[in-house]
Amino acid sequence: MDDNLFHHVTAFSRERSLSWSEQVRRTGALSGILLGSGRSTKEEEHDVIGEPARRPAARIVNSRAFSQLARLFSLAHIRVFRATGGRVGGVAPWRNADGRIHYCLLTTRGRRSGLRRVTPLAYVPTADAVLLVAANVGRTRMPQWYLNIRAAPAVIVETRGHSARWMYARLLTGEEYTAHWHRAVGTARLFARYQTWTSRPIPLVLCSPLPC
């Protein structure tokens, strides 16, 4: 951790009258929280949707210090995932009551820059499709990858044991949303926890293979 980042983390901890380790303990393992985030490494979004839940966890994930940590964690996740073909970073090293959580690398096209943006994300396997949860760790802001998808739905998905695949991403609504939300929460309860940290609805995106 560099000195600048350490300064922000310790300052935030003093402001809350709690040590950083205590704040992390109250909201779950830091690695578990970050691995479920899905924040693009570039492009800032300033349109805040909704108000954060008035809980310590919500204040932490919406802090600048946490955003910096998440960015560093995402960069490391991408490098390790690609270096090992997803053997490391493709599946959570721990097991919870719902089993192990799977992770993918999602490549979108930046809606402003037009450049490719890579984001590590927790996902739910659904037959030959990939279900993505735009939780953004329960932050008040929509994740950048979701906003990019709304502008350009053609994406590249990398999962453990599979080569990169072009997919079409579509937003789920209505009964289809409800059914897939229950499936997502049944796979990883942390998604339901994230919903309690923010008042904005958490979108679901289903990525299906593009026809050859």
C-alpha atoms as a PDB file:
ATOM      1  CA  MET A   1       0.000   0.000   0.000  1.00  0.00           C
ATOM      2  CA  ASP A   2       1.546   3.364  -0.975  1.00  0.00           C
ATOM      3  CA  ASP A   3       1.861   6.264   1.486  1.00  0.00           C
ATOM      4  CA  ASN A   4      -0.911   8.297  -0.145  1.00  0.00           C
ATOM      5  CA  LEU A   5      -3.404   5.440   0.003  1.00  0.00           C
ATOM      6  CA  PHE A   6      -2.385   4.632   3.569  1.00  0.00           C
ATOM      7  CA  HIS A   7      -3.001   8.263   4.513  1.00  0.00           C
ATOM      8  CA  HIS A   8      -6.558   8.142   3.141  1.00  0.00           C
ATOM      9  CA  VAL A   9      -7.329   4.837   4.861  1.00  0.00           C
ATOM     10  CA  THR A  10      -6.055   5.944   8.273  1.00  0.00           C
ATOM     11  CA  ALA A  11      -7.756   9.357   8.001  1.00  0.00           C
ATOM     12  CA  PHE A  12     -11.055   7.669   7.197  1.00  0.00           C
ATOM     13  CA  SER A  13     -10.605   5.312  10.140  1.00  0.00           C
ATOM     14  CA  ARG A  14      -9.988   8.169  12.576  1.00  0.00           C
ATOM     15  CA  GLU A  15     -13.055   9.989  11.259  1.00  0.00           C
ATOM     16  CA  ARG A  16     -15.252   7.016  12.131  1.00  0.00           C
ATOM     17  CA  SER A  17     -13.529   6.522  15.521  1.00  0.00           C
ATOM     18  CA  LEU A  18     -12.809   2.926  14.520  1.00  0.00           C
ATOM     19  CA  SER A  19      -9.667   1.237  13.280  1.00  0.00           C
ATOM     20  CA  TRP A  20      -9.693   0.180   9.649  1.00  0.00           C
ATOM     21  CA  SER A  21      -9.406  -3.476  10.690  1.00  0.00           C
ATOM     22  CA  GLU A  22     -12.440  -3.080  12.938  1.00  0.00           C
ATOM     23  CA  GLN A  23     -14.470  -1.511  10.123  1.00  0.00           C
ATOM     24  CA  VAL A  24     -13.497  -4.375   7.811  1.00  0.00           C
ATOM     25  CA  ARG A  25     -14.391  -6.929  10.483  1.00  0.00           C
ATOM     26  CA  ARG A  26     -17.863  -5.455  10.840  1.00  0.00           C
ATOM     27  CA  THR A  27     -18.612  -5.625   7.142  1.00  0.00           C
ATOM     28  CA  GLY A  28     -16.991  -8.980   6.346  1.00  0.00           C
ATOM     29  CA  ALA A  29     -13.599  -9.967   4.960  1.00  0.00           C
ATOM     30  CA  LEU A  30     -12.133  -7.188   2.808  1.00  0.00           C
ATOM     31  CA  SER A  31     -11.170  -9.586   0.035  1.00  0.00           C
ATOM     32  CA  GLY A  32     -14.692 -10.975  -0.063  1.00  0.00           C
ATOM     33  CA  ILE A  33     -16.213  -7.529  -0.386  1.00  0.00           C
ATOM     34  CA  LEU A  34     -13.826  -6.395  -3.091  1.00  0.00           C
ATOM     35  CA  LEU A  35     -14.124  -9.554  -5.170  1.00  0.00           C
ATOM     36  CA  GLY A  36     -17.820  -8.902  -5.468  1.00  0.00           C
ATOM     37  CA  SER A  37     -17.530  -5.308  -6.469  1.00  0.00           C
ATOM     38  CA  GLY A  38     -16.956  -4.974 -10.184  1.00  0.00           C
ATOM     39  CA  ARG A  39     -15.624  -1.460 -10.530  1.00  0.00           C
ATOM     40  CA  SER A  40     -13.927  -0.471 -13.782  1.00  0.00           C
ATOM     41  CA  THR A  41     -10.361   0.690 -13.339  1.00  0.00           C
ATOM     42  CA  LYS A  42     -10.971   3.987 -15.188  1.00  0.00           C
ATOM     43  CA  GLU A  43     -13.763   6.423 -16.011  1.00  0.00           C
ATOM     44  CA  GLU A  44     -15.514   8.125 -13.122  1.00  0.00           C
ATOM     45  CA  GLU A  45     -19.291   8.350 -12.940  1.00  0.00           C
ATOM     46  CA  HIS A  46     -20.612  11.412 -11.115  1.00  0.00           C
ATOM     47  CA  ASP A  47     -24.333  10.717 -11.388  1.00  0.00           C
ATOM     48  CA  VAL A  48     -25.281   9.358  -7.971  1.00  0.00           C
ATOM     49  CA  ILE A  49     -28.482   7.345  -7.871  1.00  0.00           C
ATOM     50  CA  GLY A  50     -30.341   7.062  -4.576  1.00  0.00           C
ATOM     51  CA  GLU A  51     -29.000   7.526  -1.044  1.00  0.00           C
ATOM     52  CA  PRO A  52     -26.772   5.036   0.772  1.00  0.00           C
ATOM     53  CA  ALA A  53     -28.238   3.043   3.636  1.00  0.00           C
ATOM     54  CA  ARG A  54     -27.337   4.584   6.983  1.00  0.00           C
ATOM     55  CA  ARG A  55     -25.036   1.768   8.049  1.00  0.00           C
ATOM     56  CA  PRO A  56     -21.289   1.635   8.751  1.00  0.00           C
ATOM     57  CA  ALA A  57     -20.811  -0.726   5.812  1.00  0.00           C
ATOM     58  CA  ALA A  58     -22.466   1.710   3.410  1.00  0.00           C
ATOM     59  CA  ARG A  59     -20.231   4.556   4.583  1.00  0.00           C
ATOM     60  CA  ILE A  60     -17.133   2.416   4.096  1.00  0.00           C
ATOM     61  CA  VAL A  61     -17.865   1.206   0.549  1.00  0.00           C
ATOM     62  CA  ASN A  62     -18.772   4.743  -0.558  1.00  0.00           C
ATOM     63  CA  SER A  63     -15.536   6.220   0.803  1.00  0.00           C
ATOM     64  CA  ARG A  64     -12.683   7.416  -1.381  1.00  0.00           C
ATOM     65  CA  ALA A  65     -10.228   5.162   0.453  1.00  0.00           C
ATOM     66  CA  PHE A  66     -12.288   2.085  -0.340  1.00  0.00           C
ATOM     67  CA  SER A  67     -12.534   3.081  -4.006  1.00  0.00           C
ATOM     68  CA  GLN A  68      -8.749   3.298  -4.202  1.00  0.00           C
ATOM     69  CA  LEU A  69      -8.346  -0.094  -2.567  1.00  0.00           C
ATOM     70  CA  ALA A  70     -10.932  -1.602  -4.909  1.00  0.00           C
ATOM     71  CA  ARG A  71      -9.088  -0.243  -7.946  1.00  0.00           C
ATOM     72  CA  LEU A  72      -5.768  -1.727  -6.810  1.00  0.00           C
ATOM     73  CA  PHE A  73      -7.434  -5.031  -5.975  1.00  0.00           C
ATOM     74  CA  SER A  74      -9.117  -5.168  -9.401  1.00  0.00           C
ATOM     75  CA  LEU A  75      -5.827  -4.566 -11.226  1.00  0.00           C
ATOM     76  CA  ALA A  76      -4.169  -7.384  -9.277  1.00  0.00           C
ATOM     77  CA  HIS A  77      -7.140  -9.680  -9.858  1.00  0.00           C
ATOM     78  CA  ILE A  78      -7.008  -9.153 -13.627  1.00  0.00           C
ATOM     79  CA  ARG A  79      -3.277  -9.889 -13.821  1.00  0.00           C
ATOM     80  CA  VAL A  80      -3.448 -13.025 -11.694  1.00  0.00           C
ATOM     81  CA  PHE A  81      -6.542 -14.330 -13.495  1.00  0.00           C
ATOM     82  CA  ARG A  82      -4.946 -13.985 -16.923  1.00  0.00           C
ATOM     83  CA  ALA A  83      -1.545 -15.276 -15.821  1.00  0.00           C
ATOM     84  CA  THR A  84      -3.139 -18.497 -14.524  1.00  0.00           C
ATOM     85  CA  GLY A  85      -5.996 -18.880 -16.979  1.00  0.00           C
ATOM     86  CA  GLY A  86      -8.460 -18.370 -14.139  1.00  0.00           C
ATOM     87  CA  ARG A  87      -7.048 -21.175 -11.982  1.00  0.00           C
ATOM     88  CA  VAL A  88      -6.321 -18.433  -9.462  1.00  0.00           C
ATOM     89  CA  GLY A  89      -8.911 -15.677  -9.269  1.00  0.00           C
ATOM     90  CA  GLY A  90     -11.589 -17.629 -11.145  1.00  0.00           C
ATOM     91  CA  VAL A  91     -13.139 -19.167  -8.042  1.00  0.00           C
ATOM     92  CA  ALA A  92     -13.169 -17.798  -4.501  1.00  0.00           C
ATOM     93  CA  PRO A  93     -10.589 -19.566  -2.282  1.00  0.00           C
ATOM     94  CA  TRP A  94     -13.120 -19.820   0.543  1.00  0.00           C
ATOM     95  CA  ARG A  95     -16.387 -21.709   0.745  1.00  0.00           C
ATOM     96  CA  ASN A  96     -19.511 -20.194   2.256  1.00  0.00           C
ATOM     97  CA  ALA A  97     -22.896 -21.726   3.023  1.00  0.00           C
ATOM     98  CA  ASP A  98     -23.847 -21.412  -0.658  1.00  0.00           C
ATOM     99  CA  GLY A  99     -20.662 -22.970  -2.024  1.00  0.00           C
ATOM    100  CA  ARG A 100     -17.864 -21.209  -3.888  1.00  0.00           C
ATOM    101  CA  ILE A 101     -18.347 -17.947  -5.779  1.00  0.00           C
ATOM    102  CA  HIS A 102     -17.156 -17.788  -9.405  1.00  0.00           C
ATOM    103  CA  TYR A 103     -15.455 -14.811 -11.042  1.00  0.00           C
ATOM    104  CA  CYS A 104     -15.025 -13.682 -14.625  1.00  0.00           C
ATOM    105  CA  LEU A 105     -13.298 -10.890 -16.494  1.00  0.00           C
ATOM    106  CA  LEU A 106     -15.734  -8.682 -18.370  1.00  0.00           C
ATOM    107  CA  THR A 107     -14.505  -6.463 -21.197  1.00  0.00           C
ATOM    108  CA  THR A 108     -16.753  -3.573 -22.227  1.00  0.00           C
ATOM    109  CA  ARG A 109     -16.251  -0.593 -24.503  1.00  0.00           C
ATOM    110  CA  GLY A 110     -16.019   2.715 -22.662  1.00  0.00           C
ATOM    111  CA  ARG A 111     -19.076   4.779 -23.506  1.00  0.00           C
ATOM    112  CA  ARG A 112     -17.021   7.985 -23.486  1.00  0.00           C
ATOM    113  CA  SER A 113     -13.527   6.925 -24.514  1.00  0.00           C
ATOM    114  CA  GLY A 114     -14.387   4.048 -26.846  1.00  0.00           C
ATOM    115  CA  LEU A 115     -11.525   2.067 -25.265  1.00  0.00           C
ATOM    116  CA  ARG A 116     -11.811  -1.444 -23.885  1.00  0.00           C
ATOM    117  CA  ARG A 117     -12.330  -1.656 -20.118  1.00  0.00           C
ATOM    118  CA  VAL A 118     -11.720  -4.859 -18.174  1.00  0.00           C
ATOM    119  CA  THR A 119     -13.520  -5.556 -14.901  1.00  0.00           C
ATOM    120  CA  PRO A 120     -13.297  -8.611 -12.613  1.00  0.00           C
ATOM    121  CA  LEU A 121     -16.786  -9.628 -11.487  1.00  0.00           C
ATOM    122  CA  ALA A 122     -18.577 -12.270  -9.483  1.00  0.00           C
ATOM    123  CA  TYR A 123     -21.033 -14.084 -11.724  1.00  0.00           C
ATOM    124  CA  VAL A 124     -23.710 -16.765 -11.630  1.00  0.00           C
ATOM    125  CA  PRO A 125     -23.369 -19.593 -14.204  1.00  0.00           C
ATOM    126  CA  THR A 126     -26.643 -20.237 -16.052  1.00  0.00           C
ATOM    127  CA  ALA A 127     -26.300 -22.999 -18.661  1.00  0.00           C
ATOM    128  CA  ASP A 128     -24.246 -21.411 -21.475  1.00  0.00           C
ATOM    129  CA  ALA A 129     -24.965 -17.857 -20.283  1.00  0.00           C
ATOM    130  CA  VAL A 130     -23.397 -15.686 -17.585  1.00  0.00           C
ATOM    131  CA  LEU A 131     -25.504 -13.734 -15.099  1.00  0.00           C
ATOM    132  CA  LEU A 132     -23.935 -10.501 -13.839  1.00  0.00           C
ATOM    133  CA  VAL A 133     -25.110  -8.556 -10.796  1.00  0.00           C
ATOM    134  CA  ALA A 134     -24.534  -4.787 -10.945  1.00  0.00           C
ATOM    135  CA  ALA A 135     -24.182  -4.485  -7.188  1.00  0.00           C
ATOM    136  CA  ASN A 136     -21.002  -2.387  -7.181  1.00  0.00           C
ATOM    137  CA  VAL A 137     -20.440  -3.565  -3.602  1.00  0.00           C
ATOM    138  CA  GLY A 138     -23.633  -1.810  -2.508  1.00  0.00           C
ATOM    139  CA  ARG A 139     -22.413   1.641  -3.530  1.00  0.00           C
ATOM    140  CA  THR A 140     -24.777   4.463  -4.430  1.00  0.00           C
ATOM    141  CA  ARG A 141     -23.285   4.684  -7.942  1.00  0.00           C
ATOM    142  CA  MET A 142     -24.026   2.309 -10.744  1.00  0.00           C
ATOM    143  CA  PRO A 143     -20.910   0.359 -11.788  1.00  0.00           C
ATOM    144  CA  GLN A 144     -19.067   1.642 -14.822  1.00  0.00           C
ATOM    145  CA  TRP A 145     -19.295  -1.661 -16.688  1.00  0.00           C
ATOM    146  CA  TYR A 146     -23.101  -1.554 -16.443  1.00  0.00           C
ATOM    147  CA  LEU A 147     -23.250   1.967 -17.874  1.00  0.00           C
ATOM    148  CA  ASN A 148     -20.907   0.885 -20.663  1.00  0.00           C
ATOM    149  CA  ILE A 149     -23.132  -2.094 -21.489  1.00  0.00           C
ATOM    150  CA  ARG A 150     -26.179   0.128 -21.813  1.00  0.00           C
ATOM    151  CA  ALA A 151     -24.311   2.055 -24.511  1.00  0.00           C
ATOM    152  CA  ALA A 152     -22.710  -0.977 -26.224  1.00  0.00           C
ATOM    153  CA  PRO A 153     -24.113  -4.430 -25.289  1.00  0.00           C
ATOM    154  CA  ALA A 154     -21.479  -6.500 -27.129  1.00  0.00           C
ATOM    155  CA  VAL A 155     -18.973  -7.705 -24.511  1.00  0.00           C
ATOM    156  CA  ILE A 156     -16.145 -10.195 -24.023  1.00  0.00           C
ATOM    157  CA  VAL A 157     -16.353 -12.619 -21.095  1.00  0.00           C
ATOM    158  CA  GLU A 158     -13.450 -14.685 -19.746  1.00  0.00           C
ATOM    159  CA  THR A 159     -14.181 -17.497 -17.288  1.00  0.00           C
ATOM    160  CA  ARG A 160     -12.089 -20.231 -15.731  1.00  0.00           C
ATOM    161  CA  GLY A 161     -11.405 -23.027 -18.186  1.00  0.00           C
ATOM    162  CA  HIS A 162     -12.825 -21.142 -21.185  1.00  0.00           C
ATOM    163  CA  SER A 163     -11.285 -18.880 -23.761  1.00  0.00           C
ATOM    164  CA  ALA A 164     -12.553 -15.325 -24.127  1.00  0.00           C
ATOM    165  CA  ARG A 165     -16.031 -15.306 -25.658  1.00  0.00           C
ATOM    166  CA  TRP A 166     -17.991 -12.584 -27.377  1.00  0.00           C
ATOM    167  CA  MET A 167     -21.407 -12.227 -25.753  1.00  0.00           C
ATOM    168  CA  TYR A 168     -24.496 -10.068 -25.951  1.00  0.00           C
ATOM    169  CA  ALA A 169     -25.536  -8.450 -22.666  1.00  0.00           C
ATOM    170  CA  ARG A 170     -29.164  -7.596 -21.965  1.00  0.00           C
ATOM    171  CA  LEU A 171     -30.844  -6.049 -18.946  1.00  0.00           C
ATOM    172  CA  LEU A 172     -33.383  -8.254 -17.159  1.00  0.00           C
ATOM    173  CA  THR A 173     -36.780  -6.896 -16.099  1.00  0.00           C
ATOM    174  CA  GLY A 174     -40.087  -8.086 -14.669  1.00  0.00           C
ATOM    175  CA  GLU A 175     -40.589 -11.749 -13.814  1.00  0.00           C
ATOM    176  CA  GLU A 176     -37.328 -12.696 -15.487  1.00  0.00           C
ATOM    177  CA  TYR A 177     -35.501 -10.325 -13.162  1.00  0.00           C
ATOM    178  CA  THR A 178     -37.247 -11.736 -10.091  1.00  0.00           C
ATOM    179  CA  ALA A 179     -36.439 -15.333 -11.004  1.00  0.00           C
ATOM    180  CA  HIS A 180     -32.771 -14.578 -11.682  1.00  0.00           C
ATOM    181  CA  TRP A 181     -32.443 -12.411  -8.569  1.00  0.00           C
ATOM    182  CA  HIS A 182     -33.553 -15.340  -6.416  1.00  0.00           C
ATOM    183  CA  ARG A 183     -31.029 -17.511  -8.217  1.00  0.00           C
ATOM    184  CA  ALA A 184     -28.250 -14.979  -7.679  1.00  0.00           C
ATOM    185  CA  VAL A 185     -29.003 -14.595  -3.980  1.00  0.00           C
ATOM    186  CA  GLY A 186     -29.234 -18.367  -3.646  1.00  0.00           C
ATOM    187  CA  THR A 187     -25.763 -18.664  -5.130  1.00  0.00           C
ATOM    188  CA  ALA A 188     -24.177 -15.849  -3.109  1.00  0.00           C
ATOM    189  CA  ARG A 189     -26.019 -14.196  -0.237  1.00  0.00           C
ATOM    190  CA  LEU A 190     -23.617 -11.259  -0.346  1.00  0.00           C
ATOM    191  CA  PHE A 191     -25.729  -9.844  -3.205  1.00  0.00           C
ATOM    192  CA  ALA A 192     -28.691  -9.514  -0.830  1.00  0.00           C
ATOM    193  CA  ARG A 193     -26.381  -7.871   1.703  1.00  0.00           C
ATOM    194  CA  TYR A 194     -25.259  -5.341  -0.890  1.00  0.00           C
ATOM    195  CA  GLN A 195     -28.884  -4.412  -1.574  1.00  0.00           C
ATOM    196  CA  THR A 196     -29.304  -3.421   2.083  1.00  0.00           C
ATOM    197  CA  TRP A 197     -26.407  -0.967   1.730  1.00  0.00           C
ATOM    198  CA  THR A 198     -28.003   1.110  -1.030  1.00  0.00           C
ATOM    199  CA  SER A 199     -31.468   2.389  -1.931  1.00  0.00           C
ATOM    200  CA  ARG A 200     -30.893   2.035  -5.686  1.00  0.00           C
ATOM    201  CA  PRO A 201     -32.201  -1.132  -7.341  1.00  0.00           C
ATOM    202  CA  ILE A 202     -29.444  -3.559  -8.327  1.00  0.00           C
ATOM    203  CA  PRO A 203     -29.685  -4.398 -12.047  1.00  0.00           C
ATOM    204  CA  LEU A 204     -29.164  -7.893 -13.437  1.00  0.00           C
ATOM    205  CA  VAL A 205     -27.498  -8.476 -16.802  1.00  0.00           C
ATOM    206  CA  LEU A 206     -27.601 -11.765 -18.703  1.00  0.00           C
ATOM    207  CA  CYS A 207     -24.761 -12.370 -21.154  1.00  0.00           C
ATOM    208  CA  SER A 208     -25.459 -14.899 -23.891  1.00  0.00           C
ATOM    209  CA  PRO A 209     -23.051 -16.152 -26.593  1.00  0.00           C
ATOM    210  CA  LEU A 210     -23.227 -14.327 -29.896  1.00  0.00           C
ATOM    211  CA  PRO A 211     -24.143 -16.571 -32.846  1.00  0.00           C
ATOM    212  CA  CYS A 212     -21.143 -17.682 -34.873  1.00  0.00           C
END
